[in-house]
């Protein structure tokens, strides 16, 4: 584990946050889109898809702040 990871703390996926708080993934993504939750958007690895899928990571501090 790198020092950069230690400084940021634990990072959660949209699915993990949804499971922790028993809400839907769509609700978590909606909160990110509205700016309620601040999340890191990871770059899309595949250019072969018709639709670009956004992959988010949510810092532990942000999860504690919002919920």
C-alpha atoms as a PDB file:
ATOM      1  CA  UNK A   1       0.000   0.000   0.000  1.00  0.00           C
ATOM      2  CA  UNK A   2       1.503   3.336  -1.039  1.00  0.00           C
ATOM      3  CA  UNK A   3       1.759   6.416   1.133  1.00  0.00           C
ATOM      4  CA  UNK A   4      -0.664   8.233  -1.189  1.00  0.00           C
ATOM      5  CA  UNK A   5      -3.358   5.653  -0.357  1.00  0.00           C
ATOM      6  CA  UNK A   6      -2.678   6.093   3.367  1.00  0.00           C
ATOM      7  CA  UNK A   7      -3.074   9.871   3.119  1.00  0.00           C
ATOM      8  CA  UNK A   8      -6.451   9.593   1.389  1.00  0.00           C
ATOM      9  CA  UNK A   9      -7.734   6.807   3.605  1.00  0.00           C
ATOM     10  CA  UNK A  10     -10.095   4.098   2.436  1.00  0.00           C
ATOM     11  CA  UNK A  11     -11.767   4.518  -0.954  1.00  0.00           C
ATOM     12  CA  UNK A  12     -15.178   2.991  -1.701  1.00  0.00           C
ATOM     13  CA  UNK A  13     -16.929   2.127  -4.948  1.00  0.00           C
ATOM     14  CA  UNK A  14     -20.505   3.183  -5.679  1.00  0.00           C
ATOM     15  CA  UNK A  15     -21.657  -0.404  -5.043  1.00  0.00           C
ATOM     16  CA  UNK A  16     -19.909  -0.546  -1.662  1.00  0.00           C
ATOM     17  CA  UNK A  17     -21.440   2.740  -0.469  1.00  0.00           C
ATOM     18  CA  UNK A  18     -24.875   1.613  -1.641  1.00  0.00           C
ATOM     19  CA  UNK A  19     -24.529  -1.697   0.232  1.00  0.00           C
ATOM     20  CA  UNK A  20     -23.270  -0.070   3.434  1.00  0.00           C
ATOM     21  CA  UNK A  21     -26.269   2.273   3.657  1.00  0.00           C
ATOM     22  CA  UNK A  22     -28.884   0.015   2.027  1.00  0.00           C
ATOM     23  CA  UNK A  23     -29.659   2.416  -0.794  1.00  0.00           C
ATOM     24  CA  UNK A  24     -29.548   1.881  -4.552  1.00  0.00           C
ATOM     25  CA  UNK A  25     -26.487   2.474  -6.715  1.00  0.00           C
ATOM     26  CA  UNK A  26     -28.589   4.907  -8.735  1.00  0.00           C
ATOM     27  CA  UNK A  27     -29.198   6.973  -5.585  1.00  0.00           C
ATOM     28  CA  UNK A  28     -25.468   7.153  -4.882  1.00  0.00           C
ATOM     29  CA  UNK A  29     -24.725   8.157  -8.494  1.00  0.00           C
ATOM     30  CA  UNK A  30     -27.502  10.768  -8.341  1.00  0.00           C
ATOM     31  CA  UNK A  31     -25.974  12.242  -5.157  1.00  0.00           C
ATOM     32  CA  UNK A  32     -22.584  12.406  -6.904  1.00  0.00           C
ATOM     33  CA  UNK A  33     -24.154  14.123  -9.920  1.00  0.00           C
ATOM     34  CA  UNK A  34     -25.879  16.707  -7.721  1.00  0.00           C
ATOM     35  CA  UNK A  35     -22.665  17.461  -5.840  1.00  0.00           C
ATOM     36  CA  UNK A  36     -23.883  16.099  -2.513  1.00  0.00           C
ATOM     37  CA  UNK A  37     -21.117  13.490  -2.510  1.00  0.00           C
ATOM     38  CA  UNK A  38     -17.657  14.418  -3.791  1.00  0.00           C
ATOM     39  CA  UNK A  39     -16.071  11.498  -5.631  1.00  0.00           C
ATOM     40  CA  UNK A  40     -13.050  10.798  -7.803  1.00  0.00           C
ATOM     41  CA  UNK A  41     -13.916   9.808 -11.361  1.00  0.00           C
ATOM     42  CA  UNK A  42     -11.473   7.285 -12.772  1.00  0.00           C
ATOM     43  CA  UNK A  43     -10.527   7.430 -16.456  1.00  0.00           C
ATOM     44  CA  UNK A  44     -12.404   5.117 -18.799  1.00  0.00           C
ATOM     45  CA  UNK A  45     -10.103   2.249 -19.805  1.00  0.00           C
ATOM     46  CA  UNK A  46     -12.017   1.047 -22.866  1.00  0.00           C
ATOM     47  CA  UNK A  47     -12.633   3.083 -26.003  1.00  0.00           C
ATOM     48  CA  UNK A  48     -14.435   0.218 -27.758  1.00  0.00           C
ATOM     49  CA  UNK A  49     -17.783   0.757 -26.051  1.00  0.00           C
ATOM     50  CA  UNK A  50     -20.529   2.893 -27.507  1.00  0.00           C
ATOM     51  CA  UNK A  51     -21.271   4.442 -24.127  1.00  0.00           C
ATOM     52  CA  UNK A  52     -18.623   5.742 -21.733  1.00  0.00           C
ATOM     53  CA  UNK A  53     -19.083   4.290 -18.268  1.00  0.00           C
ATOM     54  CA  UNK A  54     -18.000   6.423 -15.330  1.00  0.00           C
ATOM     55  CA  UNK A  55     -16.169   4.682 -12.515  1.00  0.00           C
ATOM     56  CA  UNK A  56     -16.176   6.544  -9.197  1.00  0.00           C
ATOM     57  CA  UNK A  57     -14.239   6.162  -5.965  1.00  0.00           C
ATOM     58  CA  UNK A  58     -15.593   7.819  -2.841  1.00  0.00           C
ATOM     59  CA  UNK A  59     -13.221   8.684   0.035  1.00  0.00           C
ATOM     60  CA  UNK A  60     -14.060   7.382   3.503  1.00  0.00           C
ATOM     61  CA  UNK A  61     -14.095  10.948   4.884  1.00  0.00           C
ATOM     62  CA  UNK A  62     -16.794  11.883   2.358  1.00  0.00           C
ATOM     63  CA  UNK A  63     -18.912   8.855   3.293  1.00  0.00           C
ATOM     64  CA  UNK A  64     -18.688   9.822   6.983  1.00  0.00           C
ATOM     65  CA  UNK A  65     -19.526  13.458   6.213  1.00  0.00           C
ATOM     66  CA  UNK A  66     -22.645  12.727   4.157  1.00  0.00           C
ATOM     67  CA  UNK A  67     -24.048   9.762   6.032  1.00  0.00           C
END
